[in-house]
């Protein structure tokens, strides 16, 4: 478990690298904002969370571990509840929240980047 990272995951690095390549500036892992978002565009008030398929319970990609099932069920359920709470709290504060799944970034990277760019251009 100690090898599992919450910061600097491959999907995060992919998205951040592409945004930098397009000269789109952002802050990363801002601890002062609820939920410690992965990418923050302060001037546009847009936040991006990149959710792991396992830790956030992707409906089609999440596979329940075979051992300690009760623990994992409650853990993933708490993570989902926290995600909903953080998203609604940030939206009340005027932020636009984008949540991208790890699976979507790996399968349709261009669409994920275009989603971010489209929302930024609307602001």
C-alpha atoms as a PDB file:
ATOM      1  CA  UNK A   1       0.000   0.000   0.000  1.00  0.00           C
ATOM      2  CA  UNK A   2       2.866   2.387   0.644  1.00  0.00           C
ATOM      3  CA  UNK A   3       3.763   2.294  -3.061  1.00  0.00           C
ATOM      4  CA  UNK A   4       0.368   3.686  -4.073  1.00  0.00           C
ATOM      5  CA  UNK A   5       0.607   7.391  -4.783  1.00  0.00           C
ATOM      6  CA  UNK A   6      -2.049  10.041  -4.379  1.00  0.00           C
ATOM      7  CA  UNK A   7       0.052  12.686  -6.127  1.00  0.00           C
ATOM      8  CA  UNK A   8       2.001  12.322  -9.356  1.00  0.00           C
ATOM      9  CA  UNK A   9       0.077   9.445 -10.861  1.00  0.00           C
ATOM     10  CA  UNK A  10       0.551   8.602 -14.522  1.00  0.00           C
ATOM     11  CA  UNK A  11      -2.832  10.052 -15.632  1.00  0.00           C
ATOM     12  CA  UNK A  12      -2.087  13.290 -13.732  1.00  0.00           C
ATOM     13  CA  UNK A  13       1.324  13.605 -15.328  1.00  0.00           C
ATOM     14  CA  UNK A  14      -0.117  12.946 -18.794  1.00  0.00           C
ATOM     15  CA  UNK A  15      -2.744  15.685 -18.449  1.00  0.00           C
ATOM     16  CA  UNK A  16      -0.339  18.169 -16.870  1.00  0.00           C
ATOM     17  CA  UNK A  17       2.290  17.541 -19.544  1.00  0.00           C
ATOM     18  CA  UNK A  18      -0.236  18.181 -22.315  1.00  0.00           C
ATOM     19  CA  UNK A  19      -1.530  21.372 -20.682  1.00  0.00           C
ATOM     20  CA  UNK A  20       2.028  22.676 -20.298  1.00  0.00           C
ATOM     21  CA  UNK A  21       2.768  21.792 -23.917  1.00  0.00           C
ATOM     22  CA  UNK A  22      -0.230  23.914 -24.943  1.00  0.00           C
ATOM     23  CA  UNK A  23       1.034  26.713 -22.670  1.00  0.00           C
ATOM     24  CA  UNK A  24      -1.986  26.547 -20.379  1.00  0.00           C
ATOM     25  CA  UNK A  25      -0.881  27.544 -16.908  1.00  0.00           C
ATOM     26  CA  UNK A  26      -2.264  25.986 -13.749  1.00  0.00           C
ATOM     27  CA  UNK A  27      -1.517  25.215 -10.121  1.00  0.00           C
ATOM     28  CA  UNK A  28      -1.348  21.634  -8.928  1.00  0.00           C
ATOM     29  CA  UNK A  29      -2.423  19.999  -5.670  1.00  0.00           C
ATOM     30  CA  UNK A  30      -3.569  23.183  -3.930  1.00  0.00           C
ATOM     31  CA  UNK A  31      -4.005  22.196  -0.289  1.00  0.00           C
ATOM     32  CA  UNK A  32      -5.976  25.329   0.640  1.00  0.00           C
ATOM     33  CA  UNK A  33      -8.878  24.320  -1.608  1.00  0.00           C
ATOM     34  CA  UNK A  34     -11.328  21.658  -0.400  1.00  0.00           C
ATOM     35  CA  UNK A  35     -10.488  18.207  -1.738  1.00  0.00           C
ATOM     36  CA  UNK A  36      -6.933  19.218  -2.691  1.00  0.00           C
ATOM     37  CA  UNK A  37      -7.664  19.271  -6.439  1.00  0.00           C
ATOM     38  CA  UNK A  38      -5.128  17.904  -8.898  1.00  0.00           C
ATOM     39  CA  UNK A  39      -5.258  20.913 -11.247  1.00  0.00           C
ATOM     40  CA  UNK A  40      -6.503  24.425 -10.471  1.00  0.00           C
ATOM     41  CA  UNK A  41      -7.077  27.310 -12.858  1.00  0.00           C
ATOM     42  CA  UNK A  42      -7.508  30.085 -10.298  1.00  0.00           C
ATOM     43  CA  UNK A  43      -8.358  32.962 -12.641  1.00  0.00           C
ATOM     44  CA  UNK A  44     -11.030  30.949 -14.419  1.00  0.00           C
ATOM     45  CA  UNK A  45     -12.265  29.300 -11.177  1.00  0.00           C
ATOM     46  CA  UNK A  46     -12.009  25.834 -12.727  1.00  0.00           C
ATOM     47  CA  UNK A  47     -10.835  22.746 -10.857  1.00  0.00           C
ATOM     48  CA  UNK A  48      -9.894  19.328 -12.276  1.00  0.00           C
ATOM     49  CA  UNK A  49      -9.888  16.118 -10.267  1.00  0.00           C
ATOM     50  CA  UNK A  50      -8.362  13.024 -11.844  1.00  0.00           C
ATOM     51  CA  UNK A  51     -10.052  10.101 -10.132  1.00  0.00           C
ATOM     52  CA  UNK A  52      -8.481   6.667  -9.935  1.00  0.00           C
ATOM     53  CA  UNK A  53     -10.730   3.868 -11.150  1.00  0.00           C
ATOM     54  CA  UNK A  54     -10.035   1.790  -8.050  1.00  0.00           C
ATOM     55  CA  UNK A  55     -10.015   4.375  -5.258  1.00  0.00           C
ATOM     56  CA  UNK A  56     -13.080   6.228  -6.493  1.00  0.00           C
ATOM     57  CA  UNK A  57     -15.026   3.144  -7.637  1.00  0.00           C
ATOM     58  CA  UNK A  58     -15.431   3.558 -11.411  1.00  0.00           C
ATOM     59  CA  UNK A  59     -18.701   1.787 -12.285  1.00  0.00           C
ATOM     60  CA  UNK A  60     -17.226  -0.283 -15.143  1.00  0.00           C
ATOM     61  CA  UNK A  61     -13.574  -0.578 -14.127  1.00  0.00           C
ATOM     62  CA  UNK A  62     -13.606  -1.110 -10.358  1.00  0.00           C
ATOM     63  CA  UNK A  63     -12.865  -4.640  -9.202  1.00  0.00           C
ATOM     64  CA  UNK A  64     -13.490  -5.531  -5.569  1.00  0.00           C
ATOM     65  CA  UNK A  65     -10.495  -7.141  -3.831  1.00  0.00           C
ATOM     66  CA  UNK A  66     -11.055 -10.731  -2.779  1.00  0.00           C
ATOM     67  CA  UNK A  67      -9.892 -10.197   0.801  1.00  0.00           C
ATOM     68  CA  UNK A  68     -11.258  -7.878   3.492  1.00  0.00           C
ATOM     69  CA  UNK A  69     -14.350  -7.134   1.409  1.00  0.00           C
ATOM     70  CA  UNK A  70     -16.219  -5.254   4.168  1.00  0.00           C
ATOM     71  CA  UNK A  71     -13.349  -2.813   4.637  1.00  0.00           C
ATOM     72  CA  UNK A  72     -13.005  -2.107   0.919  1.00  0.00           C
ATOM     73  CA  UNK A  73     -16.749  -1.669   0.372  1.00  0.00           C
ATOM     74  CA  UNK A  74     -16.974   0.927   3.129  1.00  0.00           C
ATOM     75  CA  UNK A  75     -13.709   2.600   2.064  1.00  0.00           C
ATOM     76  CA  UNK A  76     -14.790   3.069  -1.554  1.00  0.00           C
ATOM     77  CA  UNK A  77     -18.287   4.173  -0.464  1.00  0.00           C
ATOM     78  CA  UNK A  78     -16.744   6.832   1.829  1.00  0.00           C
ATOM     79  CA  UNK A  79     -14.522   8.028  -1.031  1.00  0.00           C
ATOM     80  CA  UNK A  80     -17.553   8.370  -3.331  1.00  0.00           C
ATOM     81  CA  UNK A  81     -19.492  10.284  -0.662  1.00  0.00           C
ATOM     82  CA  UNK A  82     -16.526  12.581  -0.060  1.00  0.00           C
ATOM     83  CA  UNK A  83     -16.226  13.233  -3.812  1.00  0.00           C
ATOM     84  CA  UNK A  84     -19.877  14.290  -3.987  1.00  0.00           C
ATOM     85  CA  UNK A  85     -19.554  16.468  -0.881  1.00  0.00           C
ATOM     86  CA  UNK A  86     -16.382  18.190  -2.119  1.00  0.00           C
ATOM     87  CA  UNK A  87     -17.865  18.782  -5.578  1.00  0.00           C
ATOM     88  CA  UNK A  88     -21.042  20.388  -4.221  1.00  0.00           C
ATOM     89  CA  UNK A  89     -19.079  22.487  -1.713  1.00  0.00           C
ATOM     90  CA  UNK A  90     -16.783  23.820  -4.448  1.00  0.00           C
ATOM     91  CA  UNK A  91     -19.691  24.522  -6.784  1.00  0.00           C
ATOM     92  CA  UNK A  92     -21.385  26.551  -4.024  1.00  0.00           C
ATOM     93  CA  UNK A  93     -18.183  28.599  -3.795  1.00  0.00           C
ATOM     94  CA  UNK A  94     -18.401  29.351  -7.535  1.00  0.00           C
ATOM     95  CA  UNK A  95     -15.898  26.825  -8.902  1.00  0.00           C
ATOM     96  CA  UNK A  96     -16.494  24.770 -12.013  1.00  0.00           C
ATOM     97  CA  UNK A  97     -15.514  21.195 -11.176  1.00  0.00           C
ATOM     98  CA  UNK A  98     -14.283  18.714 -13.795  1.00  0.00           C
ATOM     99  CA  UNK A  99     -13.857  15.091 -12.765  1.00  0.00           C
ATOM    100  CA  UNK A 100     -11.928  12.834 -15.141  1.00  0.00           C
ATOM    101  CA  UNK A 101     -11.608   9.091 -14.707  1.00  0.00           C
ATOM    102  CA  UNK A 102      -8.236   7.393 -15.068  1.00  0.00           C
ATOM    103  CA  UNK A 103      -9.868   4.996 -17.547  1.00  0.00           C
ATOM    104  CA  UNK A 104     -11.107   7.846 -19.760  1.00  0.00           C
ATOM    105  CA  UNK A 105      -7.693   9.514 -19.800  1.00  0.00           C
ATOM    106  CA  UNK A 106      -6.033   6.288 -20.907  1.00  0.00           C
ATOM    107  CA  UNK A 107      -8.686   5.393 -23.511  1.00  0.00           C
ATOM    108  CA  UNK A 108      -9.669   8.811 -24.903  1.00  0.00           C
ATOM    109  CA  UNK A 109      -6.967  11.265 -23.889  1.00  0.00           C
ATOM    110  CA  UNK A 110      -7.736  13.874 -26.561  1.00  0.00           C
ATOM    111  CA  UNK A 111     -11.382  14.089 -25.523  1.00  0.00           C
ATOM    112  CA  UNK A 112     -10.385  14.676 -21.874  1.00  0.00           C
ATOM    113  CA  UNK A 113      -7.990  17.475 -22.834  1.00  0.00           C
ATOM    114  CA  UNK A 114     -10.606  18.999 -25.145  1.00  0.00           C
ATOM    115  CA  UNK A 115     -13.149  18.945 -22.307  1.00  0.00           C
ATOM    116  CA  UNK A 116     -10.788  20.974 -20.115  1.00  0.00           C
ATOM    117  CA  UNK A 117      -9.933  23.400 -22.918  1.00  0.00           C
ATOM    118  CA  UNK A 118     -13.593  23.881 -23.873  1.00  0.00           C
ATOM    119  CA  UNK A 119     -14.621  24.695 -20.325  1.00  0.00           C
ATOM    120  CA  UNK A 120     -11.677  27.056 -19.911  1.00  0.00           C
ATOM    121  CA  UNK A 121     -12.553  28.882 -23.132  1.00  0.00           C
ATOM    122  CA  UNK A 122     -16.156  29.342 -21.942  1.00  0.00           C
ATOM    123  CA  UNK A 123     -14.998  31.103 -18.778  1.00  0.00           C
END
